[in-house]
Amino acid sequence: MVLRGGRCGGGRRATTRHRLLTNPVYAGAYVFGRTATRTRVEDGRKVVTHGVARRREDWAVLIRDHHDGYISWYRV
């Protein structure tokens, strides 16, 4: 992405923009269960990974139009 002045936008700002534009809360939805925890055994030890993204159809709760959104639902 090229910003004013010909500078490239990236890094932390790009990550923040992406998270904002893909978070359903900003589109007016209430969501629960977007992430999961995975547990596996590696070298005889338990390894837990938090924040593993789930598919939209696997979310526990999704209430569209829960509140006024800042962005369109179709951008999410």
PDB file of N, CA and C in Angstrom:
ATOM      1  N   MET A   1       0.846  -1.168   0.000  1.00  0.00           N
ATOM      2  CA  MET A   1       0.000   0.000   0.000  1.00  0.00           C
ATOM      3  C   MET A   1       0.892   1.231   0.000  1.00  0.00           C
ATOM      4  N   VAL A   2       0.606   2.174  -0.865  1.00  0.00           N
ATOM      5  CA  VAL A   2       1.392   3.401  -0.939  1.00  0.00           C
ATOM      6  C   VAL A   2       0.593   4.520  -0.299  1.00  0.00           C
ATOM      7  N   LEU A   3       1.193   5.209   0.642  1.00  0.00           N
ATOM      8  CA  LEU A   3       0.547   6.305   1.344  1.00  0.00           C
ATOM      9  C   LEU A   3       0.962   7.636   0.739  1.00  0.00           C
ATOM     10  N   ARG A   4       0.418   8.713   1.276  1.00  0.00           N
ATOM     11  CA  ARG A   4       0.803  10.049   0.811  1.00  0.00           C
ATOM     12  C   ARG A   4       2.299  10.230   0.930  1.00  0.00           C
ATOM     13  N   GLY A   5       2.875  10.920  -0.005  1.00  0.00           N
ATOM     14  CA  GLY A   5       4.305  11.155   0.029  1.00  0.00           C
ATOM     15  C   GLY A   5       5.099  10.001  -0.564  1.00  0.00           C
ATOM     16  N   GLY A   6       4.421   8.993  -1.131  1.00  0.00           N
ATOM     17  CA  GLY A   6       5.115   7.892  -1.766  1.00  0.00           C
ATOM     18  C   GLY A   6       5.695   6.854  -0.818  1.00  0.00           C
ATOM     19  N   ARG A   7       5.434   6.992   0.484  1.00  0.00           N
ATOM     20  CA  ARG A   7       5.950   6.009   1.443  1.00  0.00           C
ATOM     21  C   ARG A   7       5.100   4.756   1.416  1.00  0.00           C
ATOM     22  N   CYS A   8       5.710   3.643   1.672  1.00  0.00           N
ATOM     23  CA  CYS A   8       4.978   2.374   1.750  1.00  0.00           C
ATOM     24  C   CYS A   8       4.440   2.206   3.155  1.00  0.00           C
ATOM     25  N   GLY A   9       3.178   1.817   3.250  1.00  0.00           N
ATOM     26  CA  GLY A   9       2.574   1.556   4.559  1.00  0.00           C
ATOM     27  C   GLY A   9       2.696   0.086   4.875  1.00  0.00           C
ATOM     28  N   GLY A  10       3.171  -0.213   6.013  1.00  0.00           N
ATOM     29  CA  GLY A  10       3.312  -1.616   6.368  1.00  0.00           C
ATOM     30  C   GLY A  10       3.591  -1.739   7.850  1.00  0.00           C
ATOM     31  N   GLY A  11       4.082  -2.883   8.230  1.00  0.00           N
ATOM     32  CA  GLY A  11       4.464  -3.095   9.618  1.00  0.00           C
ATOM     33  C   GLY A  11       3.278  -3.057  10.556  1.00  0.00           C
ATOM     34  N   ARG A  12       3.460  -2.388  11.660  1.00  0.00           N
ATOM     35  CA  ARG A  12       2.462  -2.340  12.724  1.00  0.00           C
ATOM     36  C   ARG A  12       1.165  -1.685  12.260  1.00  0.00           C
ATOM     37  N   ARG A  13       1.262  -0.614  11.467  1.00  0.00           N
ATOM     38  CA  ARG A  13       0.046   0.068  11.004  1.00  0.00           C
ATOM     39  C   ARG A  13      -0.782  -0.831  10.101  1.00  0.00           C
ATOM     40  N   ALA A  14      -0.124  -1.552   9.206  1.00  0.00           N
ATOM     41  CA  ALA A  14      -0.847  -2.450   8.308  1.00  0.00           C
ATOM     42  C   ALA A  14      -1.531  -3.560   9.102  1.00  0.00           C
ATOM     43  N   THR A  15      -0.869  -4.065  10.105  1.00  0.00           N
ATOM     44  CA  THR A  15      -1.460  -5.102  10.956  1.00  0.00           C
ATOM     45  C   THR A  15      -2.677  -4.559  11.685  1.00  0.00           C
ATOM     46  N   THR A  16      -2.568  -3.344  12.204  1.00  0.00           N
ATOM     47  CA  THR A  16      -3.684  -2.726  12.907  1.00  0.00           C
ATOM     48  C   THR A  16      -4.861  -2.520  11.966  1.00  0.00           C
ATOM     49  N   ARG A  17      -4.608  -2.044  10.765  1.00  0.00           N
ATOM     50  CA  ARG A  17      -5.684  -1.849   9.784  1.00  0.00           C
ATOM     51  C   ARG A  17      -6.348  -3.179   9.445  1.00  0.00           C
ATOM     52  N   HIS A  18      -5.539  -4.202   9.238  1.00  0.00           N
ATOM     53  CA  HIS A  18      -6.085  -5.517   8.895  1.00  0.00           C
ATOM     54  C   HIS A  18      -6.965  -6.045  10.025  1.00  0.00           C
ATOM     55  N   ARG A  19      -6.521  -5.929  11.241  1.00  0.00           N
ATOM     56  CA  ARG A  19      -7.300  -6.427  12.382  1.00  0.00           C
ATOM     57  C   ARG A  19      -8.603  -5.649  12.522  1.00  0.00           C
ATOM     58  N   LEU A  20      -8.564  -4.343  12.274  1.00  0.00           N
ATOM     59  CA  LEU A  20      -9.764  -3.524  12.359  1.00  0.00           C
ATOM     60  C   LEU A  20     -10.760  -3.915  11.272  1.00  0.00           C
ATOM     61  N   LEU A  21     -10.277  -4.082  10.051  1.00  0.00           N
ATOM     62  CA  LEU A  21     -11.166  -4.369   8.928  1.00  0.00           C
ATOM     63  C   LEU A  21     -11.682  -5.803   8.913  1.00  0.00           C
ATOM     64  N   THR A  22     -11.063  -6.699   9.650  1.00  0.00           N
ATOM     65  CA  THR A  22     -11.521  -8.091   9.663  1.00  0.00           C
ATOM     66  C   THR A  22     -12.172  -8.501  10.979  1.00  0.00           C
ATOM     67  N   ASN A  23     -12.311  -7.571  11.915  1.00  0.00           N
ATOM     68  CA  ASN A  23     -12.948  -7.877  13.198  1.00  0.00           C
ATOM     69  C   ASN A  23     -14.444  -7.598  13.091  1.00  0.00           C
ATOM     70  N   PRO A  24     -15.295  -8.606  13.262  1.00  0.00           N
ATOM     71  CA  PRO A  24     -16.734  -8.420  13.103  1.00  0.00           C
ATOM     72  C   PRO A  24     -17.355  -7.446  14.096  1.00  0.00           C
ATOM     73  N   VAL A  25     -16.698  -7.179  15.207  1.00  0.00           N
ATOM     74  CA  VAL A  25     -17.225  -6.229  16.180  1.00  0.00           C
ATOM     75  C   VAL A  25     -17.371  -4.851  15.551  1.00  0.00           C
ATOM     76  N   TYR A  26     -16.435  -4.472  14.699  1.00  0.00           N
ATOM     77  CA  TYR A  26     -16.486  -3.162  14.052  1.00  0.00           C
ATOM     78  C   TYR A  26     -17.558  -3.101  12.969  1.00  0.00           C
ATOM     79  N   ALA A  27     -18.099  -4.231  12.568  1.00  0.00           N
ATOM     80  CA  ALA A  27     -19.195  -4.279  11.605  1.00  0.00           C
ATOM     81  C   ALA A  27     -20.542  -4.388  12.317  1.00  0.00           C
ATOM     82  N   GLY A  28     -20.552  -4.301  13.646  1.00  0.00           N
ATOM     83  CA  GLY A  28     -21.795  -4.310  14.404  1.00  0.00           C
ATOM     84  C   GLY A  28     -22.242  -5.679  14.883  1.00  0.00           C
ATOM     85  N   ALA A  29     -21.362  -6.646  14.898  1.00  0.00           N
ATOM     86  CA  ALA A  29     -21.732  -8.002  15.301  1.00  0.00           C
ATOM     87  C   ALA A  29     -21.193  -8.332  16.699  1.00  0.00           C
ATOM     88  N   TYR A  30     -21.928  -9.177  17.393  1.00  0.00           N
ATOM     89  CA  TYR A  30     -21.421  -9.753  18.638  1.00  0.00           C
ATOM     90  C   TYR A  30     -20.932 -11.155  18.297  1.00  0.00           C
ATOM     91  N   VAL A  31     -19.702 -11.444  18.672  1.00  0.00           N
ATOM     92  CA  VAL A  31     -19.100 -12.732  18.324  1.00  0.00           C
ATOM     93  C   VAL A  31     -18.440 -13.329  19.555  1.00  0.00           C
ATOM     94  N   PHE A  32     -18.602 -14.644  19.706  1.00  0.00           N
ATOM     95  CA  PHE A  32     -17.904 -15.369  20.754  1.00  0.00           C
ATOM     96  C   PHE A  32     -17.397 -16.661  20.148  1.00  0.00           C
ATOM     97  N   GLY A  33     -16.177 -17.025  20.471  1.00  0.00           N
ATOM     98  CA  GLY A  33     -15.628 -18.293  20.011  1.00  0.00           C
ATOM     99  C   GLY A  33     -14.872 -18.195  18.698  1.00  0.00           C
ATOM    100  N   ARG A  34     -14.305 -17.024  18.393  1.00  0.00           N
ATOM    101  CA  ARG A  34     -13.537 -16.871  17.154  1.00  0.00           C
ATOM    102  C   ARG A  34     -12.219 -17.629  17.205  1.00  0.00           C
ATOM    103  N   THR A  35     -11.702 -17.855  18.405  1.00  0.00           N
ATOM    104  CA  THR A  35     -10.426 -18.548  18.537  1.00  0.00           C
ATOM    105  C   THR A  35     -10.588 -19.767  19.438  1.00  0.00           C
ATOM    106  N   ALA A  36      -9.656 -20.678  19.303  1.00  0.00           N
ATOM    107  CA  ALA A  36      -9.672 -21.909  20.091  1.00  0.00           C
ATOM    108  C   ALA A  36      -8.284 -22.153  20.679  1.00  0.00           C
ATOM    109  N   THR A  37      -8.195 -23.147  21.521  1.00  0.00           N
ATOM    110  CA  THR A  37      -6.929 -23.578  22.099  1.00  0.00           C
ATOM    111  C   THR A  37      -6.655 -24.996  21.623  1.00  0.00           C
ATOM    112  N   ARG A  38      -5.454 -25.222  21.138  1.00  0.00           N
ATOM    113  CA  ARG A  38      -5.067 -26.561  20.674  1.00  0.00           C
ATOM    114  C   ARG A  38      -4.007 -27.121  21.602  1.00  0.00           C
ATOM    115  N   THR A  39      -4.141 -28.386  21.916  1.00  0.00           N
ATOM    116  CA  THR A  39      -3.176 -29.066  22.781  1.00  0.00           C
ATOM    117  C   THR A  39      -2.601 -30.256  22.014  1.00  0.00           C
ATOM    118  N   ARG A  40      -1.292 -30.403  22.092  1.00  0.00           N
ATOM    119  CA  ARG A  40      -0.628 -31.537  21.447  1.00  0.00           C
ATOM    120  C   ARG A  40       0.527 -31.992  22.334  1.00  0.00           C
ATOM    121  N   VAL A  41       1.005 -33.183  22.080  1.00  0.00           N
ATOM    122  CA  VAL A  41       2.146 -33.719  22.812  1.00  0.00           C
ATOM    123  C   VAL A  41       3.353 -33.683  21.884  1.00  0.00           C
ATOM    124  N   GLU A  42       4.415 -33.059  22.370  1.00  0.00           N
ATOM    125  CA  GLU A  42       5.645 -32.934  21.597  1.00  0.00           C
ATOM    126  C   GLU A  42       6.812 -33.344  22.492  1.00  0.00           C
ATOM    127  N   ASP A  43       7.559 -34.348  22.096  1.00  0.00           N
ATOM    128  CA  ASP A  43       8.684 -34.854  22.878  1.00  0.00           C
ATOM    129  C   ASP A  43       8.265 -35.231  24.295  1.00  0.00           C
ATOM    130  N   GLY A  44       7.067 -35.800  24.410  1.00  0.00           N
ATOM    131  CA  GLY A  44       6.584 -36.248  25.713  1.00  0.00           C
ATOM    132  C   GLY A  44       6.045 -35.138  26.593  1.00  0.00           C
ATOM    133  N   ARG A  45       5.949 -33.909  26.082  1.00  0.00           N
ATOM    134  CA  ARG A  45       5.434 -32.784  26.869  1.00  0.00           C
ATOM    135  C   ARG A  45       4.191 -32.194  26.213  1.00  0.00           C
ATOM    136  N   LYS A  46       3.323 -31.681  27.038  1.00  0.00           N
ATOM    137  CA  LYS A  46       2.111 -31.044  26.542  1.00  0.00           C
ATOM    138  C   LYS A  46       2.444 -29.634  26.058  1.00  0.00           C
ATOM    139  N   VAL A  47       2.023 -29.318  24.839  1.00  0.00           N
ATOM    140  CA  VAL A  47       2.221 -27.989  24.266  1.00  0.00           C
ATOM    141  C   VAL A  47       0.849 -27.417  23.954  1.00  0.00           C
ATOM    142  N   VAL A  48       0.555 -26.241  24.509  1.00  0.00           N
ATOM    143  CA  VAL A  48      -0.743 -25.605  24.322  1.00  0.00           C
ATOM    144  C   VAL A  48      -0.560 -24.364  23.444  1.00  0.00           C
ATOM    145  N   THR A  49      -1.356 -24.271  22.399  1.00  0.00           N
ATOM    146  CA  THR A  49      -1.338 -23.112  21.512  1.00  0.00           C
ATOM    147  C   THR A  49      -2.657 -22.376  21.667  1.00  0.00           C
ATOM    148  N   HIS A  50      -2.591 -21.115  22.082  1.00  0.00           N
ATOM    149  CA  HIS A  50      -3.786 -20.285  22.288  1.00  0.00           C
ATOM    150  C   HIS A  50      -4.020 -19.417  21.066  1.00  0.00           C
ATOM    151  N   GLY A  51      -5.262 -19.011  20.866  1.00  0.00           N
ATOM    152  CA  GLY A  51      -5.590 -18.058  19.818  1.00  0.00           C
ATOM    153  C   GLY A  51      -5.598 -18.619  18.414  1.00  0.00           C
ATOM    154  N   VAL A  52      -5.910 -19.884  18.266  1.00  0.00           N
ATOM    155  CA  VAL A  52      -5.979 -20.505  16.944  1.00  0.00           C
ATOM    156  C   VAL A  52      -7.315 -20.108  16.311  1.00  0.00           C
ATOM    157  N   ALA A  53      -7.274 -19.469  15.149  1.00  0.00           N
ATOM    158  CA  ALA A  53      -8.487 -18.969  14.493  1.00  0.00           C
ATOM    159  C   ALA A  53      -9.382 -20.117  14.054  1.00  0.00           C
ATOM    160  N   ARG A  54     -10.692 -19.926  14.249  1.00  0.00           N
ATOM    161  CA  ARG A  54     -11.693 -20.886  13.785  1.00  0.00           C
ATOM    162  C   ARG A  54     -12.373 -20.339  12.535  1.00  0.00           C
ATOM    163  N   ARG A  55     -12.947 -21.227  11.738  1.00  0.00           N
ATOM    164  CA  ARG A  55     -13.748 -20.801  10.589  1.00  0.00           C
ATOM    165  C   ARG A  55     -15.024 -20.133  11.105  1.00  0.00           C
ATOM    166  N   ARG A  56     -15.578 -19.236  10.321  1.00  0.00           N
ATOM    167  CA  ARG A  56     -16.773 -18.501  10.738  1.00  0.00           C
ATOM    168  C   ARG A  56     -17.924 -19.437  11.113  1.00  0.00           C
ATOM    169  N   GLU A  57     -18.104 -20.507  10.373  1.00  0.00           N
ATOM    170  CA  GLU A  57     -19.211 -21.417  10.681  1.00  0.00           C
ATOM    171  C   GLU A  57     -18.985 -22.198  11.982  1.00  0.00           C
ATOM    172  N   ASP A  58     -17.778 -22.170  12.520  1.00  0.00           N
ATOM    173  CA  ASP A  58     -17.471 -22.850  13.776  1.00  0.00           C
ATOM    174  C   ASP A  58     -17.507 -21.936  14.999  1.00  0.00           C
ATOM    175  N   TRP A  59     -17.781 -20.643  14.800  1.00  0.00           N
ATOM    176  CA  TRP A  59     -17.878 -19.730  15.943  1.00  0.00           C
ATOM    177  C   TRP A  59     -19.065 -20.146  16.807  1.00  0.00           C
ATOM    178  N   ALA A  60     -18.924 -20.030  18.115  1.00  0.00           N
ATOM    179  CA  ALA A  60     -19.987 -20.431  19.035  1.00  0.00           C
ATOM    180  C   ALA A  60     -21.199 -19.504  18.925  1.00  0.00           C
ATOM    181  N   VAL A  61     -20.962 -18.190  18.829  1.00  0.00           N
ATOM    182  CA  VAL A  61     -22.046 -17.209  18.766  1.00  0.00           C
ATOM    183  C   VAL A  61     -21.704 -16.161  17.724  1.00  0.00           C
ATOM    184  N   LEU A  62     -22.670 -15.833  16.871  1.00  0.00           N
ATOM    185  CA  LEU A  62     -22.541 -14.729  15.916  1.00  0.00           C
ATOM    186  C   LEU A  62     -23.896 -14.063  15.801  1.00  0.00           C
ATOM    187  N   ILE A  63     -23.990 -12.831  16.300  1.00  0.00           N
ATOM    188  CA  ILE A  63     -25.226 -12.055  16.216  1.00  0.00           C
ATOM    189  C   ILE A  63     -24.932 -10.829  15.365  1.00  0.00           C
ATOM    190  N   ARG A  64     -25.360 -10.888  14.104  1.00  0.00           N
ATOM    191  CA  ARG A  64     -25.174  -9.741  13.212  1.00  0.00           C
ATOM    192  C   ARG A  64     -26.148  -8.634  13.599  1.00  0.00           C
ATOM    193  N   ASP A  65     -25.795  -7.396  13.311  1.00  0.00           N
ATOM    194  CA  ASP A  65     -26.616  -6.214  13.631  1.00  0.00           C
ATOM    195  C   ASP A  65     -26.902  -6.110  15.127  1.00  0.00           C
ATOM    196  N   HIS A  66     -25.961  -6.534  15.939  1.00  0.00           N
ATOM    197  CA  HIS A  66     -26.083  -6.424  17.395  1.00  0.00           C
ATOM    198  C   HIS A  66     -26.018  -4.965  17.828  1.00  0.00           C
ATOM    199  N   HIS A  67     -25.194  -4.184  17.168  1.00  0.00           N
ATOM    200  CA  HIS A  67     -25.048  -2.757  17.443  1.00  0.00           C
ATOM    201  C   HIS A  67     -24.631  -2.065  16.147  1.00  0.00           C
ATOM    202  N   ASP A  68     -24.641  -0.722  16.164  1.00  0.00           N
ATOM    203  CA  ASP A  68     -24.236   0.026  14.978  1.00  0.00           C
ATOM    204  C   ASP A  68     -22.766  -0.238  14.690  1.00  0.00           C
ATOM    205  N   GLY A  69     -22.473  -0.527  13.444  1.00  0.00           N
ATOM    206  CA  GLY A  69     -21.104  -0.820  13.052  1.00  0.00           C
ATOM    207  C   GLY A  69     -20.418   0.397  12.457  1.00  0.00           C
ATOM    208  N   TYR A  70     -19.085   0.360  12.464  1.00  0.00           N
ATOM    209  CA  TYR A  70     -18.289   1.425  11.867  1.00  0.00           C
ATOM    210  C   TYR A  70     -17.952   1.109  10.412  1.00  0.00           C
ATOM    211  N   ILE A  71     -17.962  -0.171  10.064  1.00  0.00           N
ATOM    212  CA  ILE A  71     -17.650  -0.590   8.699  1.00  0.00           C
ATOM    213  C   ILE A  71     -18.752  -1.520   8.218  1.00  0.00           C
ATOM    214  N   SER A  72     -18.799  -1.755   6.909  1.00  0.00           N
ATOM    215  CA  SER A  72     -19.803  -2.628   6.332  1.00  0.00           C
ATOM    216  C   SER A  72     -19.502  -4.089   6.688  1.00  0.00           C
ATOM    217  N   TRP A  73     -20.546  -4.874   6.902  1.00  0.00           N
ATOM    218  CA  TRP A  73     -20.372  -6.291   7.214  1.00  0.00           C
ATOM    219  C   TRP A  73     -19.636  -6.992   6.084  1.00  0.00           C
ATOM    220  N   TYR A  74     -19.819  -6.538   4.858  1.00  0.00           N
ATOM    221  CA  TYR A  74     -19.225  -7.203   3.706  1.00  0.00           C
ATOM    222  C   TYR A  74     -17.726  -6.981   3.602  1.00  0.00           C
ATOM    223  N   ARG A  75     -17.152  -6.103   4.396  1.00  0.00           N
ATOM    224  CA  ARG A  75     -15.713  -5.914   4.431  1.00  0.00           C
ATOM    225  C   ARG A  75     -15.051  -6.914   5.363  1.00  0.00           C
ATOM    226  N   VAL A  76     -15.826  -7.525   6.233  1.00  0.00           N
ATOM    227  CA  VAL A  76     -15.262  -8.413   7.243  1.00  0.00           C
ATOM    228  C   VAL A  76     -14.948  -9.762   6.650  1.00  0.00           C
TER     229      VAL A  76
END
